Amino acid sequence: MQEKLATRNLVCASHQVKGYESSGEIERLLLVTVKSSQKIFTEAEVASLTGICVEHLHNFARSRHLGFIARAAEAAGARADQWLFTLSDLMVLVTLFPRCTH
């Protein structure tokens, strides 16, 4: 009996090092791997790396003052807005905002 309990505790402890336990289930932490030379990320890259949809990404970035908008003049004279994020912004997004489920 003690052997089974000790084995279960070891398995739970090893899982808790890699993730955290929430309501009896082990949830894995998100690990994002990027090139060390890459300093700026587009909204599409951030959305694909974090699993956050672009709409939620824009709303969260506005409310938390993350990222910045790059304005590029198109050939037709219209303005195209694109959000750009730093590596620090990416770390904050991964830490604070959960993946979108829709």
N, C-alpha and C. Protein backbone atom coordinates (compact mmCIF):
# COMPACT_ATOMS: atom_id res chain seq x y z
N MET A 1 0.82 -1.18 0.00
CA MET A 1 0.00 0.00 0.00
C MET A 1 0.87 1.26 0.00
N GLN A 2 1.89 1.27 0.88
CA GLN A 2 2.77 2.44 0.95
C GLN A 2 3.55 2.62 -0.35
N GLU A 3 3.90 1.51 -0.98
CA GLU A 3 4.66 1.59 -2.24
C GLU A 3 3.84 2.27 -3.32
N LYS A 4 2.56 1.91 -3.43
CA LYS A 4 1.69 2.54 -4.42
C LYS A 4 1.51 4.03 -4.13
N LEU A 5 1.36 4.37 -2.86
CA LEU A 5 1.18 5.77 -2.47
C LEU A 5 2.45 6.58 -2.76
N ALA A 6 3.62 6.01 -2.47
CA ALA A 6 4.89 6.69 -2.73
C ALA A 6 5.09 6.90 -4.22
N THR A 7 4.77 5.89 -5.03
CA THR A 7 4.90 6.02 -6.48
C THR A 7 3.97 7.09 -7.01
N ARG A 8 2.73 7.13 -6.53
CA ARG A 8 1.78 8.15 -6.96
C ARG A 8 2.27 9.55 -6.60
N ASN A 9 2.82 9.71 -5.39
CA ASN A 9 3.33 11.00 -4.96
C ASN A 9 4.51 11.45 -5.82
N LEU A 10 5.39 10.53 -6.18
CA LEU A 10 6.52 10.88 -7.05
C LEU A 10 6.05 11.33 -8.42
N VAL A 11 5.06 10.62 -8.97
CA VAL A 11 4.52 10.99 -10.28
C VAL A 11 3.88 12.37 -10.21
N CYS A 12 3.09 12.63 -9.17
CA CYS A 12 2.45 13.93 -9.01
C CYS A 12 3.49 15.03 -8.83
N ALA A 13 4.53 14.76 -8.05
CA ALA A 13 5.57 15.76 -7.83
C ALA A 13 6.31 16.07 -9.12
N SER A 14 6.60 15.06 -9.92
CA SER A 14 7.31 15.30 -11.17
C SER A 14 6.45 16.09 -12.15
N HIS A 15 5.15 15.86 -12.15
CA HIS A 15 4.26 16.62 -13.02
C HIS A 15 4.13 18.06 -12.55
N GLN A 16 4.14 18.29 -11.24
CA GLN A 16 3.99 19.63 -10.71
C GLN A 16 5.21 20.49 -11.02
N VAL A 17 6.36 19.89 -11.20
CA VAL A 17 7.55 20.65 -11.58
C VAL A 17 7.38 21.19 -12.99
N LYS A 18 6.78 20.40 -13.88
CA LYS A 18 6.59 20.81 -15.27
C LYS A 18 5.35 21.67 -15.45
N GLY A 19 4.39 21.56 -14.58
CA GLY A 19 3.14 22.31 -14.72
C GLY A 19 2.63 22.68 -13.34
N TYR A 20 1.36 22.96 -13.26
CA TYR A 20 0.78 23.23 -11.95
C TYR A 20 -0.54 22.50 -11.87
N GLU A 21 -0.96 22.18 -10.66
CA GLU A 21 -2.16 21.40 -10.48
C GLU A 21 -3.35 22.31 -10.25
N SER A 22 -4.41 22.07 -10.99
CA SER A 22 -5.61 22.89 -10.88
C SER A 22 -6.82 21.96 -10.85
N SER A 23 -7.56 21.98 -9.78
CA SER A 23 -8.77 21.17 -9.58
C SER A 23 -8.53 19.69 -9.89
N GLY A 24 -7.41 19.16 -9.42
CA GLY A 24 -7.15 17.74 -9.58
C GLY A 24 -6.51 17.34 -10.89
N GLU A 25 -6.44 18.22 -11.85
CA GLU A 25 -5.83 17.90 -13.14
C GLU A 25 -4.51 18.64 -13.27
N ILE A 26 -3.58 18.01 -13.94
CA ILE A 26 -2.29 18.64 -14.20
C ILE A 26 -2.41 19.43 -15.49
N GLU A 27 -2.12 20.73 -15.42
CA GLU A 27 -2.14 21.58 -16.62
C GLU A 27 -0.70 21.91 -16.99
N ARG A 28 -0.37 21.81 -18.25
CA ARG A 28 0.98 22.08 -18.72
C ARG A 28 1.16 23.57 -18.95
N LEU A 29 2.32 24.08 -18.60
CA LEU A 29 2.65 25.46 -18.89
C LEU A 29 3.04 25.59 -20.35
N LEU A 30 2.72 26.72 -20.94
CA LEU A 30 3.03 26.97 -22.33
C LEU A 30 4.49 27.34 -22.47
N LEU A 31 5.18 26.68 -23.39
CA LEU A 31 6.58 26.99 -23.65
C LEU A 31 6.67 27.54 -25.06
N VAL A 32 7.15 28.76 -25.19
CA VAL A 32 7.29 29.40 -26.48
C VAL A 32 8.78 29.49 -26.81
N THR A 33 9.17 28.98 -27.97
CA THR A 33 10.56 29.01 -28.39
C THR A 33 10.70 29.94 -29.58
N VAL A 34 11.62 30.91 -29.46
CA VAL A 34 11.88 31.86 -30.54
C VAL A 34 13.39 31.97 -30.75
N LYS A 35 13.78 32.48 -31.89
CA LYS A 35 15.19 32.72 -32.15
C LYS A 35 15.69 33.84 -31.25
N SER A 36 16.89 33.72 -30.74
CA SER A 36 17.42 34.76 -29.85
C SER A 36 17.71 36.05 -30.61
N SER A 37 17.88 35.97 -31.91
CA SER A 37 18.18 37.16 -32.70
C SER A 37 16.93 37.96 -33.05
N GLN A 38 15.75 37.35 -32.91
CA GLN A 38 14.52 38.03 -33.28
C GLN A 38 14.07 38.94 -32.15
N LYS A 39 13.97 40.24 -32.44
CA LYS A 39 13.63 41.23 -31.41
C LYS A 39 12.21 41.76 -31.54
N ILE A 40 11.65 41.74 -32.75
CA ILE A 40 10.32 42.28 -33.02
C ILE A 40 9.46 41.18 -33.63
N PHE A 41 8.21 41.11 -33.19
CA PHE A 41 7.28 40.09 -33.67
C PHE A 41 6.02 40.77 -34.19
N THR A 42 5.51 40.31 -35.33
CA THR A 42 4.26 40.85 -35.87
C THR A 42 3.09 40.25 -35.11
N GLU A 43 1.92 40.85 -35.31
CA GLU A 43 0.72 40.35 -34.62
C GLU A 43 0.40 38.92 -35.05
N ALA A 44 0.66 38.59 -36.31
CA ALA A 44 0.40 37.22 -36.80
C ALA A 44 1.34 36.23 -36.12
N GLU A 45 2.61 36.60 -35.95
CA GLU A 45 3.57 35.72 -35.28
C GLU A 45 3.19 35.52 -33.81
N VAL A 46 2.82 36.60 -33.15
CA VAL A 46 2.43 36.50 -31.74
C VAL A 46 1.18 35.66 -31.58
N ALA A 47 0.22 35.85 -32.48
CA ALA A 47 -1.02 35.06 -32.41
C ALA A 47 -0.73 33.57 -32.59
N SER A 48 0.15 33.23 -33.53
CA SER A 48 0.45 31.81 -33.75
C SER A 48 1.30 31.23 -32.63
N LEU A 49 2.20 32.01 -32.05
CA LEU A 49 3.05 31.52 -30.96
C LEU A 49 2.28 31.34 -29.66
N THR A 50 1.36 32.24 -29.37
CA THR A 50 0.66 32.23 -28.08
C THR A 50 -0.68 31.52 -28.11
N GLY A 51 -1.28 31.40 -29.28
CA GLY A 51 -2.61 30.81 -29.37
C GLY A 51 -3.71 31.79 -29.04
N ILE A 52 -3.38 33.07 -28.99
CA ILE A 52 -4.36 34.12 -28.73
C ILE A 52 -4.84 34.67 -30.07
N CYS A 53 -6.15 34.77 -30.27
CA CYS A 53 -6.66 35.28 -31.54
C CYS A 53 -6.30 36.77 -31.67
N VAL A 54 -6.27 37.27 -32.89
CA VAL A 54 -5.82 38.63 -33.17
C VAL A 54 -6.73 39.66 -32.48
N GLU A 55 -8.02 39.41 -32.46
CA GLU A 55 -8.95 40.36 -31.82
C GLU A 55 -8.66 40.49 -30.32
N HIS A 56 -8.51 39.36 -29.63
CA HIS A 56 -8.18 39.39 -28.21
C HIS A 56 -6.80 39.98 -27.98
N LEU A 57 -5.88 39.69 -28.87
CA LEU A 57 -4.53 40.24 -28.78
C LEU A 57 -4.55 41.76 -28.83
N HIS A 58 -5.31 42.32 -29.78
CA HIS A 58 -5.42 43.79 -29.90
C HIS A 58 -6.04 44.39 -28.64
N ASN A 59 -7.13 43.79 -28.16
CA ASN A 59 -7.81 44.33 -26.98
C ASN A 59 -6.92 44.28 -25.74
N PHE A 60 -6.21 43.16 -25.55
CA PHE A 60 -5.34 43.02 -24.39
C PHE A 60 -4.15 43.97 -24.50
N ALA A 61 -3.59 44.11 -25.70
CA ALA A 61 -2.45 45.00 -25.90
C ALA A 61 -2.83 46.45 -25.62
N ARG A 62 -4.02 46.85 -26.05
CA ARG A 62 -4.49 48.22 -25.78
C ARG A 62 -4.67 48.46 -24.28
N SER A 63 -5.31 47.50 -23.60
CA SER A 63 -5.60 47.69 -22.18
C SER A 63 -4.35 47.63 -21.31
N ARG A 64 -3.33 46.90 -21.74
CA ARG A 64 -2.11 46.75 -20.94
C ARG A 64 -0.93 47.56 -21.51
N HIS A 65 -1.19 48.34 -22.54
CA HIS A 65 -0.16 49.17 -23.19
C HIS A 65 1.04 48.34 -23.64
N LEU A 66 0.74 47.24 -24.32
CA LEU A 66 1.78 46.38 -24.87
C LEU A 66 1.88 46.62 -26.37
N GLY A 67 3.05 46.39 -26.94
CA GLY A 67 3.23 46.51 -28.38
C GLY A 67 3.15 47.95 -28.85
N PHE A 68 3.29 48.11 -30.15
CA PHE A 68 3.16 49.43 -30.76
C PHE A 68 2.65 49.23 -32.17
N ILE A 69 2.09 50.30 -32.74
CA ILE A 69 1.49 50.22 -34.07
C ILE A 69 2.48 50.79 -35.07
N ALA A 70 2.77 50.02 -36.11
CA ALA A 70 3.61 50.50 -37.20
C ALA A 70 2.68 50.92 -38.33
N ARG A 71 2.83 52.12 -38.78
CA ARG A 71 1.98 52.62 -39.85
C ARG A 71 2.80 52.65 -41.14
N ALA A 72 2.33 51.92 -42.12
CA ALA A 72 3.02 51.86 -43.41
C ALA A 72 2.11 52.43 -44.48
N ALA A 73 2.63 53.33 -45.27
CA ALA A 73 1.83 53.91 -46.36
C ALA A 73 1.79 52.91 -47.51
N GLU A 74 0.59 52.61 -47.92
CA GLU A 74 0.43 51.69 -49.05
C GLU A 74 0.52 52.46 -50.35
N ALA A 75 0.61 51.76 -51.46
CA ALA A 75 0.75 52.39 -52.78
C ALA A 75 -0.45 53.28 -53.10
N ALA A 76 -1.62 52.91 -52.61
CA ALA A 76 -2.83 53.68 -52.91
C ALA A 76 -2.96 54.92 -52.02
N GLY A 77 -2.07 55.10 -51.09
CA GLY A 77 -2.13 56.25 -50.21
C GLY A 77 -2.88 55.99 -48.92
N ALA A 78 -3.47 54.81 -48.79
CA ALA A 78 -4.18 54.47 -47.56
C ALA A 78 -3.18 54.03 -46.49
N ARG A 79 -3.60 54.05 -45.25
CA ARG A 79 -2.71 53.65 -44.16
C ARG A 79 -3.04 52.23 -43.73
N ALA A 80 -2.00 51.45 -43.50
CA ALA A 80 -2.17 50.09 -42.98
C ALA A 80 -1.56 50.05 -41.59
N ASP A 81 -2.35 49.66 -40.61
CA ASP A 81 -1.86 49.57 -39.24
C ASP A 81 -1.51 48.12 -38.93
N GLN A 82 -0.34 47.92 -38.35
CA GLN A 82 0.06 46.58 -37.93
C GLN A 82 0.69 46.69 -36.56
N TRP A 83 0.26 45.82 -35.66
CA TRP A 83 0.82 45.80 -34.32
C TRP A 83 2.14 45.04 -34.35
N LEU A 84 3.13 45.57 -33.66
CA LEU A 84 4.42 44.91 -33.48
C LEU A 84 4.68 44.75 -31.99
N PHE A 85 5.32 43.66 -31.62
CA PHE A 85 5.56 43.35 -30.22
C PHE A 85 7.03 43.01 -30.00
N THR A 86 7.54 43.39 -28.83
CA THR A 86 8.90 43.04 -28.45
C THR A 86 8.90 41.69 -27.75
N LEU A 87 10.08 41.17 -27.49
CA LEU A 87 10.20 39.91 -26.77
C LEU A 87 9.61 40.04 -25.36
N SER A 88 9.80 41.17 -24.73
CA SER A 88 9.21 41.41 -23.39
C SER A 88 7.69 41.38 -23.46
N ASP A 89 7.11 42.01 -24.49
CA ASP A 89 5.66 41.97 -24.67
C ASP A 89 5.18 40.54 -24.83
N LEU A 90 5.92 39.75 -25.61
CA LEU A 90 5.56 38.36 -25.84
C LEU A 90 5.56 37.57 -24.54
N MET A 91 6.56 37.79 -23.69
CA MET A 91 6.62 37.09 -22.40
C MET A 91 5.44 37.46 -21.51
N VAL A 92 5.07 38.73 -21.50
CA VAL A 92 3.92 39.16 -20.70
C VAL A 92 2.64 38.52 -21.22
N LEU A 93 2.46 38.49 -22.53
CA LEU A 93 1.26 37.89 -23.12
C LEU A 93 1.16 36.40 -22.78
N VAL A 94 2.25 35.69 -22.90
CA VAL A 94 2.25 34.25 -22.61
C VAL A 94 1.93 34.00 -21.14
N THR A 95 2.44 34.86 -20.28
CA THR A 95 2.25 34.67 -18.84
C THR A 95 0.84 35.03 -18.38
N LEU A 96 0.30 36.14 -18.89
CA LEU A 96 -0.96 36.66 -18.35
C LEU A 96 -2.22 36.26 -19.10
N PHE A 97 -2.11 35.96 -20.38
CA PHE A 97 -3.32 35.73 -21.17
C PHE A 97 -3.40 34.26 -21.59
N PRO A 98 -4.52 33.59 -21.31
CA PRO A 98 -4.67 32.19 -21.70
C PRO A 98 -4.93 32.03 -23.20
N ARG A 99 -4.67 30.85 -23.71
CA ARG A 99 -4.95 30.57 -25.12
C ARG A 99 -6.45 30.71 -25.38
N CYS A 100 -6.79 31.17 -26.56
CA CYS A 100 -8.20 31.26 -26.94
C CYS A 100 -8.73 29.87 -27.23
N THR A 101 -9.97 29.63 -26.86
CA THR A 101 -10.58 28.31 -27.08
C THR A 101 -11.61 28.31 -28.18
N HIS A 102 -11.78 29.42 -28.84
CA HIS A 102 -12.78 29.47 -29.91
C HIS A 102 -12.15 29.37 -31.27
